PDB file of all heavy atoms in Angstrom:
ATOM      1  N   SER A   1      -4.842 -30.379   9.305  1.00  0.00           N
ATOM      2  CA  SER A   1      -4.859 -28.936   9.382  1.00  0.00           C
ATOM      3  C   SER A   1      -4.045 -28.252   8.280  1.00  0.00           C
ATOM      4  O   SER A   1      -4.419 -27.203   7.796  1.00  0.00           O
ATOM      5  CB  SER A   1      -4.440 -28.452  10.743  1.00  0.00           C
ATOM      6  OG  SER A   1      -3.113 -28.852  11.013  1.00  0.00           O
ATOM      7  N   LEU A   2      -2.926 -28.870   7.835  1.00  0.00           N
ATOM      8  CA  LEU A   2      -2.146 -28.305   6.753  1.00  0.00           C
ATOM      9  C   LEU A   2      -2.965 -28.284   5.448  1.00  0.00           C
ATOM     10  O   LEU A   2      -2.987 -27.261   4.729  1.00  0.00           O
ATOM     11  CB  LEU A   2      -0.883 -29.106   6.543  1.00  0.00           C
ATOM     12  CG  LEU A   2       0.059 -28.615   5.422  1.00  0.00           C
ATOM     13  CD1 LEU A   2       0.485 -27.166   5.667  1.00  0.00           C
ATOM     14  CD2 LEU A   2       1.254 -29.506   5.267  1.00  0.00           C
ATOM     15  N   SER A   3      -3.696 -29.353   5.181  1.00  0.00           N
ATOM     16  CA  SER A   3      -4.562 -29.401   4.008  1.00  0.00           C
ATOM     17  C   SER A   3      -5.649 -28.343   4.083  1.00  0.00           C
ATOM     18  O   SER A   3      -5.989 -27.733   3.059  1.00  0.00           O
ATOM     19  CB  SER A   3      -5.166 -30.825   3.907  1.00  0.00           C
ATOM     20  OG  SER A   3      -6.073 -30.888   2.821  1.00  0.00           O
ATOM     21  N   LEU A   4      -6.164 -28.098   5.279  1.00  0.00           N
ATOM     22  CA  LEU A   4      -7.217 -27.079   5.441  1.00  0.00           C
ATOM     23  C   LEU A   4      -6.658 -25.711   5.165  1.00  0.00           C
ATOM     24  O   LEU A   4      -7.316 -24.884   4.503  1.00  0.00           O
ATOM     25  CB  LEU A   4      -7.816 -27.177   6.849  1.00  0.00           C
ATOM     26  CG  LEU A   4      -8.596 -28.392   7.200  1.00  0.00           C
ATOM     27  CD1 LEU A   4      -9.118 -28.316   8.621  1.00  0.00           C
ATOM     28  CD2 LEU A   4      -9.756 -28.605   6.236  1.00  0.00           C
ATOM     29  N   ARG A   5      -5.482 -25.426   5.683  1.00  0.00           N
ATOM     30  CA  ARG A   5      -4.895 -24.097   5.440  1.00  0.00           C
ATOM     31  C   ARG A   5      -4.595 -23.890   3.959  1.00  0.00           C
ATOM     32  O   ARG A   5      -4.846 -22.834   3.419  1.00  0.00           O
ATOM     33  CB  ARG A   5      -3.626 -23.935   6.302  1.00  0.00           C
ATOM     34  CG  ARG A   5      -3.932 -23.822   7.760  1.00  0.00           C
ATOM     35  CD  ARG A   5      -2.714 -23.472   8.573  1.00  0.00           C
ATOM     36  NE  ARG A   5      -1.625 -24.422   8.426  1.00  0.00           N
ATOM     37  CZ  ARG A   5      -1.345 -25.400   9.293  1.00  0.00           C
ATOM     38  NH1 ARG A   5      -2.050 -25.510  10.428  1.00  0.00           N
ATOM     39  NH2 ARG A   5      -0.337 -26.199   9.104  1.00  0.00           N
ATOM     40  N   ARG A   6      -4.125 -24.921   3.311  1.00  0.00           N
ATOM     41  CA  ARG A   6      -3.867 -24.847   1.869  1.00  0.00           C
ATOM     42  C   ARG A   6      -5.169 -24.579   1.140  1.00  0.00           C
ATOM     43  O   ARG A   6      -5.233 -23.759   0.201  1.00  0.00           O
ATOM     44  CB  ARG A   6      -3.189 -26.162   1.396  1.00  0.00           C
ATOM     45  CG  ARG A   6      -2.770 -26.113  -0.056  1.00  0.00           C
ATOM     46  CD  ARG A   6      -2.072 -27.425  -0.472  1.00  0.00           C
ATOM     47  NE  ARG A   6      -0.915 -27.650   0.324  1.00  0.00           N
ATOM     48  CZ  ARG A   6      -0.688 -28.812   0.998  1.00  0.00           C
ATOM     49  NH1 ARG A   6      -1.553 -29.778   0.961  1.00  0.00           N
ATOM     50  NH2 ARG A   6       0.433 -28.962   1.697  1.00  0.00           N
ATOM     51  N   SER A   7      -6.206 -25.268   1.512  1.00  0.00           N
ATOM     52  CA  SER A   7      -7.521 -25.083   0.856  1.00  0.00           C
ATOM     53  C   SER A   7      -8.041 -23.695   1.101  1.00  0.00           C
ATOM     54  O   SER A   7      -8.641 -23.088   0.200  1.00  0.00           O
ATOM     55  CB  SER A   7      -8.534 -26.111   1.374  1.00  0.00           C
ATOM     56  OG  SER A   7      -8.112 -27.451   0.962  1.00  0.00           O
ATOM     57  N   ALA A   8      -7.855 -23.151   2.303  1.00  0.00           N
ATOM     58  CA  ALA A   8      -8.280 -21.780   2.587  1.00  0.00           C
ATOM     59  C   ALA A   8      -7.546 -20.821   1.695  1.00  0.00           C
ATOM     60  O   ALA A   8      -8.130 -19.845   1.199  1.00  0.00           O
ATOM     61  CB  ALA A   8      -8.052 -21.453   4.076  1.00  0.00           C
ATOM     62  N   LEU A   9      -6.253 -21.021   1.488  1.00  0.00           N
ATOM     63  CA  LEU A   9      -5.473 -20.147   0.638  1.00  0.00           C
ATOM     64  C   LEU A   9      -5.953 -20.242  -0.819  1.00  0.00           C
ATOM     65  O   LEU A   9      -5.949 -19.261  -1.567  1.00  0.00           O
ATOM     66  CB  LEU A   9      -3.978 -20.505   0.693  1.00  0.00           C
ATOM     67  CG  LEU A   9      -3.226 -20.002   1.897  1.00  0.00           C
ATOM     68  CD1 LEU A   9      -1.826 -20.611   1.968  1.00  0.00           C
ATOM     69  CD2 LEU A   9      -3.138 -18.477   1.878  1.00  0.00           C
ATOM     70  N   ARG A  10      -6.363 -21.419  -1.261  1.00  0.00           N
ATOM     71  CA  ARG A  10      -6.872 -21.611  -2.607  1.00  0.00           C
ATOM     72  C   ARG A  10      -8.275 -20.948  -2.752  1.00  0.00           C
ATOM     73  O   ARG A  10      -8.590 -20.432  -3.828  1.00  0.00           O
ATOM     74  CB  ARG A  10      -6.977 -23.095  -2.939  1.00  0.00           C
ATOM     75  CG  ARG A  10      -5.652 -23.781  -3.109  1.00  0.00           C
ATOM     76  CD  ARG A  10      -5.803 -25.307  -3.271  1.00  0.00           C
ATOM     77  NE  ARG A  10      -6.705 -25.640  -4.385  1.00  0.00           N
ATOM     78  CZ  ARG A  10      -7.424 -26.778  -4.412  1.00  0.00           C
ATOM     79  NH1 ARG A  10      -7.379 -27.640  -3.399  1.00  0.00           N
ATOM     80  NH2 ARG A  10      -8.182 -27.028  -5.424  1.00  0.00           N
ATOM     81  N   LEU A  11      -9.037 -20.975  -1.693  1.00  0.00           N
ATOM     82  CA  LEU A  11     -10.426 -20.455  -1.776  1.00  0.00           C
ATOM     83  C   LEU A  11     -10.460 -18.920  -1.656  1.00  0.00           C
ATOM     84  O   LEU A  11     -11.322 -18.296  -2.285  1.00  0.00           O
ATOM     85  CB  LEU A  11     -11.240 -21.105  -0.648  1.00  0.00           C
ATOM     86  CG  LEU A  11     -12.727 -21.089  -0.771  1.00  0.00           C
ATOM     87  CD1 LEU A  11     -13.223 -21.673  -2.090  1.00  0.00           C
ATOM     88  CD2 LEU A  11     -13.352 -21.861   0.392  1.00  0.00           C
ATOM     89  N   ALA A  12      -9.590 -18.326  -0.881  1.00  0.00           N
ATOM     90  CA  ALA A  12      -9.624 -16.906  -0.617  1.00  0.00           C
ATOM     91  C   ALA A  12      -9.712 -16.022  -1.873  1.00  0.00           C
ATOM     92  O   ALA A  12     -10.554 -15.126  -1.941  1.00  0.00           O
ATOM     93  CB  ALA A  12      -8.405 -16.502   0.280  1.00  0.00           C
ATOM     94  N   PRO A  13      -8.884 -16.259  -2.901  1.00  0.00           N
ATOM     95  CA  PRO A  13      -8.960 -15.396  -4.077  1.00  0.00           C
ATOM     96  C   PRO A  13     -10.213 -15.657  -4.965  1.00  0.00           C
ATOM     97  O   PRO A  13     -10.440 -14.936  -5.915  1.00  0.00           O
ATOM     98  CB  PRO A  13      -7.690 -15.669  -4.835  1.00  0.00           C
ATOM     99  CG  PRO A  13      -7.242 -17.004  -4.380  1.00  0.00           C
ATOM    100  CD  PRO A  13      -7.736 -17.156  -2.976  1.00  0.00           C
ATOM    101  N   LEU A  14     -10.976 -16.659  -4.600  1.00  0.00           N
ATOM    102  CA  LEU A  14     -12.196 -16.988  -5.394  1.00  0.00           C
ATOM    103  C   LEU A  14     -13.455 -16.423  -4.756  1.00  0.00           C
ATOM    104  O   LEU A  14     -14.469 -16.304  -5.445  1.00  0.00           O
ATOM    105  CB  LEU A  14     -12.336 -18.516  -5.509  1.00  0.00           C
ATOM    106  CG  LEU A  14     -11.210 -19.248  -6.250  1.00  0.00           C
ATOM    107  CD1 LEU A  14     -11.404 -20.738  -6.139  1.00  0.00           C
ATOM    108  CD2 LEU A  14     -11.183 -18.814  -7.707  1.00  0.00           C
ATOM    109  N   VAL A  15     -13.402 -16.095  -3.464  1.00  0.00           N
ATOM    110  CA  VAL A  15     -14.617 -15.650  -2.784  1.00  0.00           C
ATOM    111  C   VAL A  15     -14.581 -14.208  -2.307  1.00  0.00           C
ATOM    112  O   VAL A  15     -15.630 -13.610  -1.994  1.00  0.00           O
ATOM    113  CB  VAL A  15     -14.978 -16.616  -1.648  1.00  0.00           C
ATOM    114  CG1 VAL A  15     -15.347 -17.990  -2.160  1.00  0.00           C
ATOM    115  CG2 VAL A  15     -13.873 -16.720  -0.617  1.00  0.00           C
ATOM    116  N   PHE A  16     -13.377 -13.632  -2.157  1.00  0.00           N
ATOM    117  CA  PHE A  16     -13.229 -12.224  -1.768  1.00  0.00           C
ATOM    118  C   PHE A  16     -13.944 -11.836  -0.486  1.00  0.00           C
ATOM    119  O   PHE A  16     -14.533 -10.756  -0.390  1.00  0.00           O
ATOM    120  CB  PHE A  16     -13.674 -11.314  -2.900  1.00  0.00           C
ATOM    121  CG  PHE A  16     -12.950 -11.533  -4.168  1.00  0.00           C
ATOM    122  CD1 PHE A  16     -13.682 -11.623  -5.382  1.00  0.00           C
ATOM    123  CD2 PHE A  16     -11.615 -11.703  -4.204  1.00  0.00           C
ATOM    124  CE1 PHE A  16     -13.026 -11.861  -6.591  1.00  0.00           C
ATOM    125  CE2 PHE A  16     -10.962 -11.921  -5.452  1.00  0.00           C
ATOM    126  CZ  PHE A  16     -11.653 -11.991  -6.632  1.00  0.00           C
ATOM    127  N   VAL A  17     -13.927 -12.674   0.507  1.00  0.00           N
ATOM    128  CA  VAL A  17     -14.499 -12.324   1.817  1.00  0.00           C
ATOM    129  C   VAL A  17     -13.377 -11.998   2.775  1.00  0.00           C
ATOM    130  O   VAL A  17     -12.198 -12.271   2.524  1.00  0.00           O
ATOM    131  CB  VAL A  17     -15.378 -13.494   2.389  1.00  0.00           C
ATOM    132  CG1 VAL A  17     -16.563 -13.774   1.477  1.00  0.00           C
ATOM    133  CG2 VAL A  17     -14.557 -14.736   2.612  1.00  0.00           C
ATOM    134  N   ARG A  18     -13.716 -11.394   3.902  1.00  0.00           N
ATOM    135  CA  ARG A  18     -12.748 -11.100   4.940  1.00  0.00           C
ATOM    136  C   ARG A  18     -12.187 -12.425   5.489  1.00  0.00           C
ATOM    137  O   ARG A  18     -12.918 -13.420   5.520  1.00  0.00           O
ATOM    138  CB  ARG A  18     -13.397 -10.291   6.050  1.00  0.00           C
ATOM    139  CG  ARG A  18     -13.752  -8.859   5.637  1.00  0.00           C
ATOM    140  CD  ARG A  18     -14.483  -8.125   6.724  1.00  0.00           C
ATOM    141  NE  ARG A  18     -14.817  -6.808   6.292  1.00  0.00           N
ATOM    142  CZ  ARG A  18     -15.921  -6.481   5.584  1.00  0.00           C
ATOM    143  NH1 ARG A  18     -16.774  -7.418   5.261  1.00  0.00           N
ATOM    144  NH2 ARG A  18     -16.106  -5.223   5.210  1.00  0.00           N
ATOM    145  N   PRO A  19     -10.924 -12.401   5.931  1.00  0.00           N
ATOM    146  CA  PRO A  19     -10.360 -13.625   6.490  1.00  0.00           C
ATOM    147  C   PRO A  19     -11.180 -14.263   7.584  1.00  0.00           C
ATOM    148  O   PRO A  19     -11.290 -15.502   7.673  1.00  0.00           O
ATOM    149  CB  PRO A  19      -8.973 -13.175   6.975  1.00  0.00           C
ATOM    150  CG  PRO A  19      -8.658 -11.948   6.178  1.00  0.00           C
ATOM    151  CD  PRO A  19      -9.967 -11.283   5.937  1.00  0.00           C
ATOM    152  N   GLY A  20     -11.738 -13.452   8.464  1.00  0.00           N
ATOM    153  CA  GLY A  20     -12.511 -14.012   9.585  1.00  0.00           C
ATOM    154  C   GLY A  20     -13.794 -14.674   9.089  1.00  0.00           C
ATOM    155  O   GLY A  20     -14.239 -15.711   9.685  1.00  0.00           O
ATOM    156  N   GLU A  21     -14.390 -14.163   8.024  1.00  0.00           N
ATOM    157  CA  GLU A  21     -15.590 -14.802   7.469  1.00  0.00           C
ATOM    158  C   GLU A  21     -15.222 -16.130   6.813  1.00  0.00           C
ATOM    159  O   GLU A  21     -15.960 -17.107   6.907  1.00  0.00           O
ATOM    160  CB  GLU A  21     -16.240 -13.844   6.452  1.00  0.00           C
ATOM    161  CG  GLU A  21     -16.815 -12.612   7.111  1.00  0.00           C
ATOM    162  CD  GLU A  21     -16.932 -11.411   6.157  1.00  0.00           C
ATOM    163  OE1 GLU A  21     -16.538 -11.537   4.982  1.00  0.00           O
ATOM    164  OE2 GLU A  21     -17.342 -10.365   6.623  1.00  0.00           O
ATOM    165  N   LEU A  22     -14.062 -16.180   6.153  1.00  0.00           N
ATOM    166  CA  LEU A  22     -13.636 -17.412   5.524  1.00  0.00           C
ATOM    167  C   LEU A  22     -13.288 -18.513   6.556  1.00  0.00           C
ATOM    168  O   LEU A  22     -13.810 -19.600   6.472  1.00  0.00           O
ATOM    169  CB  LEU A  22     -12.399 -17.166   4.640  1.00  0.00           C
ATOM    170  CG  LEU A  22     -11.807 -18.393   3.922  1.00  0.00           C
ATOM    171  CD1 LEU A  22     -12.820 -18.987   2.977  1.00  0.00           C
ATOM    172  CD2 LEU A  22     -10.539 -18.022   3.174  1.00  0.00           C
ATOM    173  N   ARG A  23     -12.493 -18.138   7.549  1.00  0.00           N
ATOM    174  CA  ARG A  23     -12.026 -19.153   8.509  1.00  0.00           C
ATOM    175  C   ARG A  23     -13.190 -19.665   9.351  1.00  0.00           C
ATOM    176  O   ARG A  23     -13.152 -20.806   9.810  1.00  0.00           O
ATOM    177  CB  ARG A  23     -10.902 -18.651   9.373  1.00  0.00           C
ATOM    178  CG  ARG A  23     -11.275 -17.611  10.350  1.00  0.00           C
ATOM    179  CD  ARG A  23     -10.141 -17.194  11.246  1.00  0.00           C
ATOM    180  NE  ARG A  23     -10.592 -16.279  12.256  1.00  0.00           N
ATOM    181  CZ  ARG A  23     -11.233 -16.653  13.381  1.00  0.00           C
ATOM    182  NH1 ARG A  23     -11.438 -17.906  13.616  1.00  0.00           N
ATOM    183  NH2 ARG A  23     -11.687 -15.767  14.228  1.00  0.00           N
ATOM    184  N   ALA A  24     -14.229 -18.881   9.558  1.00  0.00           N
ATOM    185  CA  ALA A  24     -15.391 -19.279  10.375  1.00  0.00           C
ATOM    186  C   ALA A  24     -16.571 -19.770   9.518  1.00  0.00           C
ATOM    187  O   ALA A  24     -17.660 -19.907  10.033  1.00  0.00           O
ATOM    188  CB  ALA A  24     -15.832 -18.131  11.267  1.00  0.00           C
ATOM    189  N   ALA A  25     -16.319 -20.045   8.245  1.00  0.00           N
ATOM    190  CA  ALA A  25     -17.392 -20.548   7.369  1.00  0.00           C
ATOM    191  C   ALA A  25     -18.011 -21.797   7.941  1.00  0.00           C
ATOM    192  O   ALA A  25     -17.293 -22.676   8.434  1.00  0.00           O
ATOM    193  CB  ALA A  25     -16.836 -20.811   5.986  1.00  0.00           C
ATOM    194  N   GLU A  26     -19.317 -21.871   7.899  1.00  0.00           N
ATOM    195  CA  GLU A  26     -20.036 -23.044   8.404  1.00  0.00           C
ATOM    196  C   GLU A  26     -20.682 -23.784   7.273  1.00  0.00           C
ATOM    197  O   GLU A  26     -21.213 -23.171   6.318  1.00  0.00           O
ATOM    198  CB  GLU A  26     -21.090 -22.608   9.443  1.00  0.00           C
ATOM    199  CG  GLU A  26     -20.484 -21.952  10.663  1.00  0.00           C
ATOM    200  CD  GLU A  26     -21.511 -21.553  11.693  1.00  0.00           C
ATOM    201  OE1 GLU A  26     -22.648 -22.084  11.641  1.00  0.00           O
ATOM    202  OE2 GLU A  26     -21.194 -20.713  12.525  1.00  0.00           O
ATOM    203  N   TRP A  27     -20.717 -25.097   7.365  1.00  0.00           N
ATOM    204  CA  TRP A  27     -21.320 -25.935   6.307  1.00  0.00           C
ATOM    205  C   TRP A  27     -22.771 -25.569   6.140  1.00  0.00           C
ATOM    206  O   TRP A  27     -23.297 -25.645   5.015  1.00  0.00           O
ATOM    207  CB  TRP A  27     -21.101 -27.399   6.609  1.00  0.00           C
ATOM    208  CG  TRP A  27     -19.724 -27.817   6.274  1.00  0.00           C
ATOM    209  CD1 TRP A  27     -18.777 -28.266   7.171  1.00  0.00           C
ATOM    210  CD2 TRP A  27     -19.094 -27.856   5.006  1.00  0.00           C
ATOM    211  NE1 TRP A  27     -17.588 -28.555   6.487  1.00  0.00           N
ATOM    212  CE2 TRP A  27     -17.767 -28.306   5.181  1.00  0.00           C
ATOM    213  CE3 TRP A  27     -19.502 -27.472   3.701  1.00  0.00           C
ATOM    214  CZ2 TRP A  27     -16.889 -28.413   4.114  1.00  0.00           C
ATOM    215  CZ3 TRP A  27     -18.607 -27.644   2.662  1.00  0.00           C
ATOM    216  CH2 TRP A  27     -17.333 -28.093   2.869  1.00  0.00           C
ATOM    217  N   ALA A  28     -23.468 -25.173   7.191  1.00  0.00           N
ATOM    218  CA  ALA A  28     -24.893 -24.843   7.093  1.00  0.00           C
ATOM    219  C   ALA A  28     -25.131 -23.611   6.178  1.00  0.00           C
ATOM    220  O   ALA A  28     -26.234 -23.425   5.661  1.00  0.00           O
ATOM    221  CB  ALA A  28     -25.444 -24.572   8.487  1.00  0.00           C
ATOM    222  N   GLU A  29     -24.105 -22.812   5.978  1.00  0.00           N
ATOM    223  CA  GLU A  29     -24.227 -21.600   5.111  1.00  0.00           C
ATOM    224  C   GLU A  29     -24.012 -21.885   3.654  1.00  0.00           C
ATOM    225  O   GLU A  29     -24.344 -21.082   2.798  1.00  0.00           O
ATOM    226  CB  GLU A  29     -23.146 -20.551   5.516  1.00  0.00           C
ATOM    227  CG  GLU A  29     -23.229 -20.093   6.969  1.00  0.00           C
ATOM    228  CD  GLU A  29     -22.043 -19.257   7.354  1.00  0.00           C
ATOM    229  OE1 GLU A  29     -20.917 -19.421   6.791  1.00  0.00           O
ATOM    230  OE2 GLU A  29     -22.193 -18.436   8.266  1.00  0.00           O
ATOM    231  N   ILE A  30     -23.476 -23.022   3.353  1.00  0.00           N
ATOM    232  CA  ILE A  30     -23.034 -23.327   1.990  1.00  0.00           C
ATOM    233  C   ILE A  30     -23.946 -24.326   1.284  1.00  0.00           C
ATOM    234  O   ILE A  30     -24.286 -25.378   1.842  1.00  0.00           O
ATOM    235  CB  ILE A  30     -21.585 -23.873   2.003  1.00  0.00           C
ATOM    236  CG1 ILE A  30     -20.655 -22.766   2.536  1.00  0.00           C
ATOM    237  CG2 ILE A  30     -21.134 -24.363   0.629  1.00  0.00           C
ATOM    238  CD1 ILE A  30     -19.259 -23.164   2.807  1.00  0.00           C
ATOM    239  N   ASN A  31     -24.386 -23.961   0.083  1.00  0.00           N
ATOM    240  CA  ASN A  31     -25.192 -24.851  -0.754  1.00  0.00           C
ATOM    241  C   ASN A  31     -24.364 -25.142  -1.984  1.00  0.00           C
ATOM    242  O   ASN A  31     -24.288 -24.327  -2.918  1.00  0.00           O
ATOM    243  CB  ASN A  31     -26.526 -24.170  -1.113  1.00  0.00           C
ATOM    244  CG  ASN A  31     -27.448 -25.093  -1.856  1.00  0.00           C
ATOM    245  OD1 ASN A  31     -27.009 -25.926  -2.666  1.00  0.00           O
ATOM    246  ND2 ASN A  31     -28.740 -24.961  -1.614  1.00  0.00           N
ATOM    247  N   LEU A  32     -23.778 -26.331  -2.008  1.00  0.00           N
ATOM    248  CA  LEU A  32     -22.892 -26.683  -3.113  1.00  0.00           C
ATOM    249  C   LEU A  32     -23.666 -26.896  -4.405  1.00  0.00           C
ATOM    250  O   LEU A  32     -23.175 -26.628  -5.489  1.00  0.00           O
ATOM    251  CB  LEU A  32     -22.070 -27.920  -2.786  1.00  0.00           C
ATOM    252  CG  LEU A  32     -21.037 -27.720  -1.650  1.00  0.00           C
ATOM    253  CD1 LEU A  32     -20.399 -29.013  -1.285  1.00  0.00           C
ATOM    254  CD2 LEU A  32     -19.999 -26.675  -2.019  1.00  0.00           C
ATOM    255  N   ASP A  33     -24.879 -27.414  -4.316  1.00  0.00           N
ATOM    256  CA  ASP A  33     -25.683 -27.668  -5.532  1.00  0.00           C
ATOM    257  C   ASP A  33     -26.096 -26.386  -6.198  1.00  0.00           C
ATOM    258  O   ASP A  33     -26.184 -26.322  -7.444  1.00  0.00           O
ATOM    259  CB  ASP A  33     -26.924 -28.491  -5.156  1.00  0.00           C
ATOM    260  CG  ASP A  33     -26.583 -29.890  -4.697  1.00  0.00           C
ATOM    261  OD1 ASP A  33     -25.546 -30.451  -5.147  1.00  0.00           O
ATOM    262  OD2 ASP A  33     -27.309 -30.454  -3.849  1.00  0.00           O
ATOM    263  N   ARG A  34     -26.326 -25.339  -5.422  1.00  0.00           N
ATOM    264  CA  ARG A  34     -26.694 -24.035  -5.983  1.00  0.00           C
ATOM    265  C   ARG A  34     -25.505 -23.121  -6.167  1.00  0.00           C
ATOM    266  O   ARG A  34     -25.613 -22.012  -6.681  1.00  0.00           O
ATOM    267  CB  ARG A  34     -27.740 -23.370  -5.091  1.00  0.00           C
ATOM    268  CG  ARG A  34     -29.092 -24.102  -5.122  1.00  0.00           C
ATOM    269  CD  ARG A  34     -30.118 -23.494  -4.287  1.00  0.00           C
ATOM    270  NE  ARG A  34     -30.328 -22.094  -4.589  1.00  0.00           N
ATOM    271  CZ  ARG A  34     -31.135 -21.284  -3.965  1.00  0.00           C
ATOM    272  NH1 ARG A  34     -31.799 -21.770  -2.912  1.00  0.00           N
ATOM    273  NH2 ARG A  34     -31.249 -20.028  -4.263  1.00  0.00           N
ATOM    274  N   ALA A  35     -24.321 -23.575  -5.723  1.00  0.00           N
ATOM    275  CA  ALA A  35     -23.073 -22.828  -5.780  1.00  0.00           C
ATOM    276  C   ALA A  35     -23.229 -21.471  -5.120  1.00  0.00           C
ATOM    277  O   ALA A  35     -22.929 -20.415  -5.693  1.00  0.00           O
ATOM    278  CB  ALA A  35     -22.603 -22.672  -7.255  1.00  0.00           C
ATOM    279  N   GLU A  36     -23.716 -21.505  -3.865  1.00  0.00           N
ATOM    280  CA  GLU A  36     -23.942 -20.281  -3.091  1.00  0.00           C
ATOM    281  C   GLU A  36     -23.432 -20.450  -1.657  1.00  0.00           C
ATOM    282  O   GLU A  36     -23.528 -21.511  -1.056  1.00  0.00           O
ATOM    283  CB  GLU A  36     -25.401 -19.932  -3.029  1.00  0.00           C
ATOM    284  CG  GLU A  36     -26.055 -19.579  -4.345  1.00  0.00           C
ATOM    285  CD  GLU A  36     -27.532 -19.298  -4.205  1.00  0.00           C
ATOM    286  OE1 GLU A  36     -28.149 -19.621  -3.145  1.00  0.00           O
ATOM    287  OE2 GLU A  36     -28.075 -18.740  -5.123  1.00  0.00           O
ATOM    288  N   TRP A  37     -22.945 -19.344  -1.102  1.00  0.00           N
ATOM    289  CA  TRP A  37     -22.544 -19.291   0.288  1.00  0.00           C
ATOM    290  C   TRP A  37     -23.317 -18.111   0.871  1.00  0.00           C
ATOM    291  O   TRP A  37     -23.101 -16.967   0.500  1.00  0.00           O
ATOM    292  CB  TRP A  37     -21.061 -19.103   0.387  1.00  0.00           C
ATOM    293  CG  TRP A  37     -20.507 -18.905   1.747  1.00  0.00           C
ATOM    294  CD1 TRP A  37     -21.129 -19.133   2.938  1.00  0.00           C
ATOM    295  CD2 TRP A  37     -19.195 -18.501   2.078  1.00  0.00           C
ATOM    296  NE1 TRP A  37     -20.278 -18.844   3.990  1.00  0.00           N
ATOM    297  CE2 TRP A  37     -19.064 -18.441   3.492  1.00  0.00           C
ATOM    298  CE3 TRP A  37     -18.074 -18.134   1.322  1.00  0.00           C
ATOM    299  CZ2 TRP A  37     -17.896 -18.039   4.128  1.00  0.00           C
ATOM    300  CZ3 TRP A  37     -16.914 -17.747   1.965  1.00  0.00           C
ATOM    301  CH2 TRP A  37     -16.843 -17.690   3.338  1.00  0.00           C
ATOM    302  N   ASN A  38     -24.241 -18.397   1.775  1.00  0.00           N
ATOM    303  CA  ASN A  38     -25.039 -17.343   2.417  1.00  0.00           C
ATOM    304  C   ASN A  38     -24.479 -17.080   3.807  1.00  0.00           C
ATOM    305  O   ASN A  38     -24.684 -17.897   4.692  1.00  0.00           O
ATOM    306  CB  ASN A  38     -26.491 -17.811   2.517  1.00  0.00           C
ATOM    307  CG  ASN A  38     -27.178 -17.802   1.179  1.00  0.00           C
ATOM    308  OD1 ASN A  38     -27.445 -16.772   0.609  1.00  0.00           O
ATOM    309  ND2 ASN A  38     -27.407 -18.973   0.615  1.00  0.00           N
ATOM    310  N   ILE A  39     -23.843 -15.949   3.977  1.00  0.00           N
ATOM    311  CA  ILE A  39     -23.269 -15.580   5.237  1.00  0.00           C
ATOM    312  C   ILE A  39     -24.296 -14.725   5.995  1.00  0.00           C
ATOM    313  O   ILE A  39     -24.789 -13.729   5.462  1.00  0.00           O
ATOM    314  CB  ILE A  39     -21.962 -14.792   5.085  1.00  0.00           C
ATOM    315  CG1 ILE A  39     -20.961 -15.588   4.228  1.00  0.00           C
ATOM    316  CG2 ILE A  39     -21.333 -14.518   6.472  1.00  0.00           C
ATOM    317  CD1 ILE A  39     -19.710 -14.843   3.901  1.00  0.00           C
ATOM    318  N   SER A  40     -24.636 -15.147   7.192  1.00  0.00           N
ATOM    319  CA  SER A  40     -25.664 -14.422   7.945  1.00  0.00           C
ATOM    320  C   SER A  40     -25.239 -13.053   8.332  1.00  0.00           C
ATOM    321  O   SER A  40     -24.042 -12.761   8.493  1.00  0.00           O
ATOM    322  CB  SER A  40     -26.091 -15.266   9.202  1.00  0.00           C
ATOM    323  OG  SER A  40     -25.006 -15.242  10.114  1.00  0.00           O
TER     324      SER A  40
END
């Protein structure tokens, strides 16, 4: 969990989403090959 929190802090300034959207991100929303995160 410490590593996850650290990663969330690293990711937050790169994606500019609300904290609730970041913490509840689902793998099904993310396409790493296309470098996209589609939030429903």
